[in-house]
Amino acid sequence: MKIRIIFIMIALIVCACSKNENIIDPNQFSFIIPLKVGNEWQYKMDYYDSLGRFDSSKQLTSKVLSVNDNWFLMENFGFFTETAVYKNIEDGFHIYNKVAGSSLEALLFKYPIKKGDKYYVNASTLEAASTDTLIKTSKGDFRCIEYHYYPTSRGFKYIGYRFFISPGIGIIRLVKYRYNDPNSYTLVDGLLSDYKFKN
């Protein structure tokens, strides 16, 4: 009887440990976000008011729409402008945007990256706060690189972003928040609810 109980306990522990957890080796993939026309990610987006109180929720679909000269147009990608296009290059995930007649290309998400690495994009600061953050979702649990992004552009003062990205899968969680304020608070918190990749 004791042997049977021990066997059942071991089986339960093994099942619990293996439950939907995606352990990602940061160097396992040659790209951080899979770009292929038709790939899509669905998020549950929670919105908060200026006092940090929950306001509303909605479903948001991010999708790769088209490709031109290896630059991919995406719908509802992160908190970035709809006019930007994206590409995976050897040093990571790049963004290219045409603003007021000028063209800006920059490394958005450096990859591979080490914890504590800091770099700059058009005077804005990005930092890898962690390379092993566990995010739990209805689609499974994902080990993520946690990027902190602090824009310096006018109109974005004291607005920060956190992107939790699982290499080979994409953004798992995204947070927009206000900081450097006596009343720091979250503005938007999005969590992956589903994703579909084209073969």
Protein backbone atom coordinates (compact mmCIF):
# COMPACT_ATOMS: atom_id res chain seq x y z
CA MET A 1 0.00 0.00 0.00
CA LYS A 2 2.80 2.42 0.92
CA ILE A 3 4.60 1.63 -2.34
CA ARG A 4 1.42 2.41 -4.30
CA ILE A 5 0.98 5.75 -2.53
CA ILE A 6 4.62 6.69 -3.17
CA PHE A 7 4.24 5.77 -6.85
CA ILE A 8 1.09 7.92 -7.16
CA MET A 9 2.81 10.87 -5.46
CA ILE A 10 5.81 10.64 -7.82
CA ALA A 11 3.48 10.48 -10.84
CA LEU A 12 1.60 13.56 -9.64
CA ILE A 13 4.84 15.50 -9.13
CA VAL A 14 6.08 14.59 -12.62
CA CYS A 15 2.78 15.65 -14.17
CA ALA A 16 2.75 18.93 -12.27
CA CYS A 17 6.30 19.76 -13.31
CA SER A 18 5.68 18.99 -16.97
CA LYS A 19 2.37 20.88 -17.19
CA ASN A 20 2.48 23.17 -20.20
CA GLU A 21 5.79 24.78 -19.33
CA ASN A 22 7.89 25.82 -22.29
CA ILE A 23 11.51 25.97 -21.18
CA ILE A 24 13.29 28.14 -23.72
CA ASP A 25 17.05 28.13 -24.16
CA PRO A 26 17.91 31.76 -25.04
CA ASN A 27 20.21 30.50 -27.81
CA GLN A 28 17.85 27.83 -29.12
CA PHE A 29 16.33 29.96 -31.90
CA SER A 30 18.01 32.05 -34.58
CA PHE A 31 15.18 34.62 -34.31
CA ILE A 32 13.17 36.04 -31.43
CA ILE A 33 9.82 36.73 -33.13
CA PRO A 34 8.68 34.46 -35.98
CA LEU A 35 7.82 36.57 -39.01
CA LYS A 36 5.72 34.87 -41.65
CA VAL A 37 2.65 36.26 -43.40
CA GLY A 38 -0.42 34.94 -41.59
CA ASN A 39 1.21 34.40 -38.19
CA GLU A 40 -0.98 35.84 -35.47
CA TRP A 41 -1.10 36.33 -31.71
CA GLN A 42 -4.17 37.05 -29.60
CA TYR A 43 -4.01 39.00 -26.34
CA LYS A 44 -6.33 39.86 -23.50
CA MET A 45 -5.64 43.56 -22.89
CA ASP A 46 -6.53 45.09 -19.52
CA TYR A 47 -6.74 48.89 -19.31
CA TYR A 48 -6.40 51.02 -16.16
CA ASP A 49 -7.28 54.61 -15.28
CA SER A 50 -4.90 57.30 -13.96
CA LEU A 51 -5.28 56.00 -10.41
CA GLY A 52 -4.27 52.49 -11.42
CA ARG A 53 -7.81 51.15 -11.11
CA PHE A 54 -9.05 48.55 -13.59
CA ASP A 55 -11.16 50.14 -16.31
CA SER A 56 -11.86 47.66 -19.11
CA SER A 57 -10.65 44.65 -21.11
CA LYS A 58 -10.66 43.70 -24.76
CA GLN A 59 -9.24 41.07 -27.09
CA LEU A 60 -6.52 42.24 -29.46
CA THR A 61 -5.14 40.33 -32.45
CA SER A 62 -1.63 41.03 -33.73
CA LYS A 63 -0.94 39.67 -37.19
CA VAL A 64 1.77 39.60 -39.86
CA LEU A 65 0.03 41.12 -42.88
CA SER A 66 2.54 41.32 -45.72
CA VAL A 67 6.20 41.35 -46.68
CA ASN A 68 8.18 43.64 -48.96
CA ASP A 69 11.92 43.23 -49.46
CA ASN A 70 12.11 41.07 -46.31
CA TRP A 71 10.43 43.76 -44.16
CA PHE A 72 7.16 42.61 -42.59
CA LEU A 73 4.12 44.78 -41.98
CA MET A 74 2.27 43.87 -38.78
CA GLU A 75 -1.11 44.81 -37.39
CA ASN A 76 -1.37 45.76 -33.68
CA PHE A 77 2.22 44.88 -32.84
CA GLY A 78 3.04 45.83 -29.27
CA PHE A 79 2.52 49.53 -28.68
CA PHE A 80 4.25 50.53 -31.91
CA THR A 81 2.96 52.58 -34.83
CA GLU A 82 1.00 50.86 -37.59
CA THR A 83 3.29 52.37 -40.25
CA ALA A 84 6.39 50.49 -39.02
CA VAL A 85 7.77 47.32 -40.59
CA TYR A 86 9.94 44.66 -38.97
CA LYS A 87 12.74 42.22 -39.76
CA ASN A 88 14.83 39.60 -37.93
CA ILE A 89 18.54 40.29 -38.50
CA GLU A 90 21.59 38.61 -37.00
CA ASP A 91 21.69 40.89 -33.94
CA GLY A 92 17.94 40.78 -33.24
CA PHE A 93 14.55 42.18 -34.18
CA HIS A 94 14.64 45.45 -36.14
CA ILE A 95 12.03 48.14 -36.69
CA TYR A 96 11.93 50.49 -39.68
CA ASN A 97 9.65 53.49 -39.76
CA LYS A 98 9.16 56.40 -42.13
CA VAL A 99 8.38 59.53 -40.14
CA ALA A 100 7.74 62.91 -41.76
CA GLY A 101 9.77 62.06 -44.84
CA SER A 102 12.74 60.58 -42.96
CA SER A 103 13.52 56.91 -42.54
CA LEU A 104 14.46 55.40 -39.20
CA GLU A 105 15.78 51.85 -38.77
CA ALA A 106 16.76 50.58 -35.35
CA LEU A 107 17.45 47.43 -33.36
CA LEU A 108 14.32 47.02 -31.24
CA PHE A 109 14.87 43.72 -29.41
CA LYS A 110 18.50 42.67 -29.22
CA TYR A 111 18.84 38.88 -29.50
CA PRO A 112 20.66 36.90 -28.27
CA ILE A 113 21.05 39.03 -25.16
CA LYS A 114 22.38 38.64 -21.63
CA LYS A 115 20.75 39.77 -18.41
CA GLY A 116 21.74 43.35 -17.66
CA ASP A 117 22.63 44.21 -21.26
CA LYS A 118 21.61 47.78 -22.05
CA TYR A 119 21.45 49.50 -25.43
CA TYR A 120 19.91 52.56 -27.02
CA VAL A 121 17.40 53.07 -29.81
CA ASN A 122 17.19 56.65 -31.08
CA ALA A 123 18.21 57.88 -27.60
CA SER A 124 15.65 55.64 -25.89
CA THR A 125 16.97 53.03 -23.45
CA LEU A 126 16.31 49.29 -23.62
CA GLU A 127 17.53 46.79 -21.04
CA ALA A 128 17.29 43.05 -20.51
CA ALA A 129 16.08 42.92 -16.91
CA SER A 130 15.91 39.10 -17.04
CA THR A 131 16.42 36.25 -19.50
CA ASP A 132 14.48 33.71 -17.45
CA THR A 133 11.13 35.21 -16.39
CA LEU A 134 8.29 32.69 -16.19
CA ILE A 135 4.96 33.93 -17.56
CA LYS A 136 1.89 31.75 -17.07
CA THR A 137 -0.86 31.83 -19.70
CA SER A 138 -3.84 29.75 -20.78
CA LYS A 139 -1.67 28.46 -23.64
CA GLY A 140 1.10 27.27 -21.32
CA ASP A 141 3.92 28.67 -19.25
CA PHE A 142 6.74 30.43 -21.08
CA ARG A 143 10.30 31.33 -20.10
CA CYS A 144 10.82 34.86 -21.38
CA ILE A 145 13.39 37.55 -21.90
CA GLU A 146 12.14 40.64 -20.06
CA TYR A 147 12.91 43.85 -21.93
CA HIS A 148 12.43 47.25 -20.28
CA TYR A 149 11.96 50.11 -22.74
CA TYR A 150 12.11 53.79 -21.74
CA PRO A 151 11.29 56.17 -24.62
CA THR A 152 12.68 59.69 -24.44
CA SER A 153 10.55 61.22 -27.20
CA ARG A 154 8.40 64.21 -26.35
CA GLY A 155 4.98 63.04 -25.17
CA PHE A 156 6.38 59.83 -23.68
CA LYS A 157 8.00 61.32 -20.57
CA TYR A 158 7.80 58.91 -17.63
CA ILE A 159 6.09 56.27 -19.76
CA GLY A 160 7.77 52.85 -19.66
CA TYR A 161 7.15 49.52 -21.33
CA ARG A 162 7.92 45.92 -20.40
CA PHE A 163 7.96 43.23 -23.08
CA PHE A 164 8.18 39.58 -22.04
CA ILE A 165 9.29 37.67 -25.14
CA SER A 166 9.69 33.93 -25.55
CA PRO A 167 12.23 33.32 -28.36
CA GLY A 168 10.62 31.54 -31.31
CA ILE A 169 7.11 32.36 -30.05
CA GLY A 170 6.95 36.14 -29.66
CA ILE A 171 5.55 38.58 -27.12
CA ILE A 172 3.87 36.74 -24.24
CA ARG A 173 3.09 39.71 -22.03
CA LEU A 174 3.31 43.47 -22.62
CA VAL A 175 2.90 46.22 -20.05
CA LYS A 176 2.68 49.99 -20.41
CA TYR A 177 3.08 51.99 -17.19
CA ARG A 178 3.88 55.37 -15.74
CA TYR A 179 6.97 55.76 -13.57
CA ASN A 180 9.00 58.49 -11.77
CA ASP A 181 5.75 59.70 -10.30
CA PRO A 182 4.49 59.64 -6.71
CA ASN A 183 1.53 57.72 -8.12
CA SER A 184 3.25 55.23 -10.44
CA TYR A 185 0.71 52.92 -12.01
CA THR A 186 0.02 50.45 -14.82
CA LEU A 187 -1.78 51.78 -17.88
CA VAL A 188 -2.14 48.63 -19.98
CA ASP A 189 -1.37 44.97 -19.25
CA GLY A 190 -1.70 42.44 -22.07
CA LEU A 191 -1.33 38.67 -21.86
CA LEU A 192 -1.14 36.11 -24.68
CA SER A 193 -4.33 34.05 -24.97
CA ASP A 194 -3.64 32.21 -28.24
CA TYR A 195 -1.30 32.11 -31.22
CA LYS A 196 -1.30 30.51 -34.67
CA PHE A 197 1.67 30.13 -36.98
CA LYS A 198 1.61 29.41 -40.70
CA ASN A 199 3.61 26.39 -41.89
